[in-house]
Amino acid sequence: MNYRQPPLNRAVNPMKMNWLWRLTCEVGYVGVDDVLSALNEAGIRVSRERALGWFKSEGEDGYFPLTIAELEQNLRALQSVRSGSLHATLSGIAGK
């Protein structure tokens, strides 16, 4: 069976990417504390309330819409922290 690109099943609003953020966090085992820590490490201060709101759906109490720019920022901060941790771990192993 040859690969076929799946159809788009939803409209994408770049100002409301919470659904994609939640899916990404579920797949990557990312929690709100991971996000806050990574953003803090990147010098970006975000309230816990806002970070929790990114995990909620529109209409839920505490919902904060997450833009595509914030989604990218969060993923890059997480990537930086995780790759730095991996690099430190590998350096530590190599030094033994």
C-alpha atoms as a PDB file:
ATOM      1  CA  MET A   1       0.000   0.000   0.000  1.00  0.00           C
ATOM      2  CA  ASN A   2       1.382   3.376  -0.990  1.00  0.00           C
ATOM      3  CA  TYR A   3       1.388   6.334   1.345  1.00  0.00           C
ATOM      4  CA  ARG A   4      -1.455   8.777   0.901  1.00  0.00           C
ATOM      5  CA  GLN A   5      -1.574  12.121   2.582  1.00  0.00           C
ATOM      6  CA  PRO A   6      -4.540  12.162   4.995  1.00  0.00           C
ATOM      7  CA  PRO A   7      -7.269  14.732   4.387  1.00  0.00           C
ATOM      8  CA  LEU A   8      -7.498  17.829   6.550  1.00  0.00           C
ATOM      9  CA  ASN A   9     -10.294  17.134   9.004  1.00  0.00           C
ATOM     10  CA  ARG A  10     -10.391  20.524  10.671  1.00  0.00           C
ATOM     11  CA  ALA A  11      -9.856  24.167   9.979  1.00  0.00           C
ATOM     12  CA  VAL A  12      -6.694  25.499  11.575  1.00  0.00           C
ATOM     13  CA  ASN A  13      -6.782  28.803  13.392  1.00  0.00           C
ATOM     14  CA  PRO A  14      -3.174  29.896  14.059  1.00  0.00           C
ATOM     15  CA  MET A  15      -4.412  31.903  17.036  1.00  0.00           C
ATOM     16  CA  LYS A  16      -5.906  28.824  18.746  1.00  0.00           C
ATOM     17  CA  MET A  17      -3.485  25.911  18.630  1.00  0.00           C
ATOM     18  CA  ASN A  18      -4.300  24.415  22.043  1.00  0.00           C
ATOM     19  CA  TRP A  19      -5.519  21.150  20.502  1.00  0.00           C
ATOM     20  CA  LEU A  20      -2.166  20.594  18.764  1.00  0.00           C
ATOM     21  CA  TRP A  21      -0.263  21.591  21.908  1.00  0.00           C
ATOM     22  CA  ARG A  22      -2.197  19.061  24.007  1.00  0.00           C
ATOM     23  CA  LEU A  23      -1.585  16.302  21.453  1.00  0.00           C
ATOM     24  CA  THR A  24       2.124  17.142  21.258  1.00  0.00           C
ATOM     25  CA  CYS A  25       2.445  17.132  25.045  1.00  0.00           C
ATOM     26  CA  GLU A  26       0.625  13.815  25.341  1.00  0.00           C
ATOM     27  CA  VAL A  27       2.907  12.183  22.777  1.00  0.00           C
ATOM     28  CA  GLY A  28       6.042  13.716  24.291  1.00  0.00           C
ATOM     29  CA  TYR A  29       5.049  13.161  27.933  1.00  0.00           C
ATOM     30  CA  VAL A  30       5.262  16.884  28.655  1.00  0.00           C
ATOM     31  CA  GLY A  31       3.553  18.410  31.666  1.00  0.00           C
ATOM     32  CA  VAL A  32       3.010  21.985  32.743  1.00  0.00           C
ATOM     33  CA  ASP A  33       6.061  21.898  35.042  1.00  0.00           C
ATOM     34  CA  ASP A  34       8.252  20.793  32.123  1.00  0.00           C
ATOM     35  CA  VAL A  35       6.981  23.699  30.044  1.00  0.00           C
ATOM     36  CA  LEU A  36       7.446  26.274  32.797  1.00  0.00           C
ATOM     37  CA  SER A  37      10.953  25.024  33.528  1.00  0.00           C
ATOM     38  CA  ALA A  38      11.997  25.082  29.857  1.00  0.00           C
ATOM     39  CA  LEU A  39      10.565  28.547  29.279  1.00  0.00           C
ATOM     40  CA  ASN A  40      12.205  29.820  32.462  1.00  0.00           C
ATOM     41  CA  GLU A  41      15.527  28.367  31.276  1.00  0.00           C
ATOM     42  CA  ALA A  42      15.031  30.296  28.013  1.00  0.00           C
ATOM     43  CA  GLY A  43      14.435  33.498  29.976  1.00  0.00           C
ATOM     44  CA  ILE A  44      10.701  33.567  29.266  1.00  0.00           C
ATOM     45  CA  ARG A  45       8.518  34.129  32.313  1.00  0.00           C
ATOM     46  CA  VAL A  46       5.026  32.674  32.037  1.00  0.00           C
ATOM     47  CA  SER A  47       2.484  32.361  34.817  1.00  0.00           C
ATOM     48  CA  ARG A  48       1.434  28.877  35.860  1.00  0.00           C
ATOM     49  CA  GLU A  49      -2.177  29.933  35.241  1.00  0.00           C
ATOM     50  CA  ARG A  50      -1.430  30.744  31.590  1.00  0.00           C
ATOM     51  CA  ALA A  51       0.574  27.541  31.050  1.00  0.00           C
ATOM     52  CA  LEU A  52      -2.268  25.491  32.525  1.00  0.00           C
ATOM     53  CA  GLY A  53      -4.692  27.373  30.272  1.00  0.00           C
ATOM     54  CA  TRP A  54      -2.803  26.206  27.190  1.00  0.00           C
ATOM     55  CA  PHE A  55      -3.820  22.636  28.039  1.00  0.00           C
ATOM     56  CA  LYS A  56      -7.532  23.521  28.110  1.00  0.00           C
ATOM     57  CA  SER A  57     -10.144  23.678  25.390  1.00  0.00           C
ATOM     58  CA  GLU A  58     -12.000  26.801  24.398  1.00  0.00           C
ATOM     59  CA  GLY A  59     -14.930  27.284  26.750  1.00  0.00           C
ATOM     60  CA  GLU A  60     -13.234  25.654  29.742  1.00  0.00           C
ATOM     61  CA  ASP A  61     -12.476  27.781  32.796  1.00  0.00           C
ATOM     62  CA  GLY A  62      -8.923  29.084  32.706  1.00  0.00           C
ATOM     63  CA  TYR A  63      -8.542  28.639  28.925  1.00  0.00           C
ATOM     64  CA  PHE A  64      -5.781  30.710  27.318  1.00  0.00           C
ATOM     65  CA  PRO A  65      -5.544  30.515  23.522  1.00  0.00           C
ATOM     66  CA  LEU A  66      -2.111  29.380  22.372  1.00  0.00           C
ATOM     67  CA  THR A  67      -0.863  30.919  19.130  1.00  0.00           C
ATOM     68  CA  ILE A  68       1.268  29.114  16.571  1.00  0.00           C
ATOM     69  CA  ALA A  69       4.167  31.410  17.584  1.00  0.00           C
ATOM     70  CA  GLU A  70       3.795  30.366  21.240  1.00  0.00           C
ATOM     71  CA  LEU A  71       3.567  26.724  20.213  1.00  0.00           C
ATOM     72  CA  GLU A  72       6.855  27.002  18.332  1.00  0.00           C
ATOM     73  CA  GLN A  73       8.471  28.957  21.188  1.00  0.00           C
ATOM     74  CA  ASN A  74       7.445  26.306  23.712  1.00  0.00           C
ATOM     75  CA  LEU A  75       8.644  23.426  21.558  1.00  0.00           C
ATOM     76  CA  ARG A  76      11.992  25.101  20.897  1.00  0.00           C
ATOM     77  CA  ALA A  77      12.462  25.787  24.624  1.00  0.00           C
ATOM     78  CA  LEU A  78      11.689  22.145  25.433  1.00  0.00           C
ATOM     79  CA  GLN A  79      14.002  20.963  22.662  1.00  0.00           C
ATOM     80  CA  SER A  80      16.811  23.153  23.960  1.00  0.00           C
ATOM     81  CA  VAL A  81      16.465  21.882  27.519  1.00  0.00           C
ATOM     82  CA  ARG A  82      16.184  18.262  26.451  1.00  0.00           C
ATOM     83  CA  SER A  83      19.078  18.385  23.999  1.00  0.00           C
ATOM     84  CA  GLY A  84      21.195  20.168  26.612  1.00  0.00           C
ATOM     85  CA  SER A  85      20.341  17.498  29.157  1.00  0.00           C
ATOM     86  CA  LEU A  86      21.141  14.788  26.642  1.00  0.00           C
ATOM     87  CA  HIS A  87      24.440  16.482  25.783  1.00  0.00           C
ATOM     88  CA  ALA A  88      25.357  16.774  29.479  1.00  0.00           C
ATOM     89  CA  THR A  89      24.463  13.120  30.047  1.00  0.00           C
ATOM     90  CA  LEU A  90      26.514  11.971  27.067  1.00  0.00           C
ATOM     91  CA  SER A  91      29.450  14.165  28.127  1.00  0.00           C
ATOM     92  CA  GLY A  92      29.289  12.685  31.615  1.00  0.00           C
ATOM     93  CA  ILE A  93      29.294   9.155  30.249  1.00  0.00           C
ATOM     94  CA  ALA A  94      32.210   9.912  27.912  1.00  0.00           C
ATOM     95  CA  GLY A  95      34.198  11.377  30.819  1.00  0.00           C
ATOM     96  CA  LYS A  96      34.010   8.148  32.854  1.00  0.00           C
END
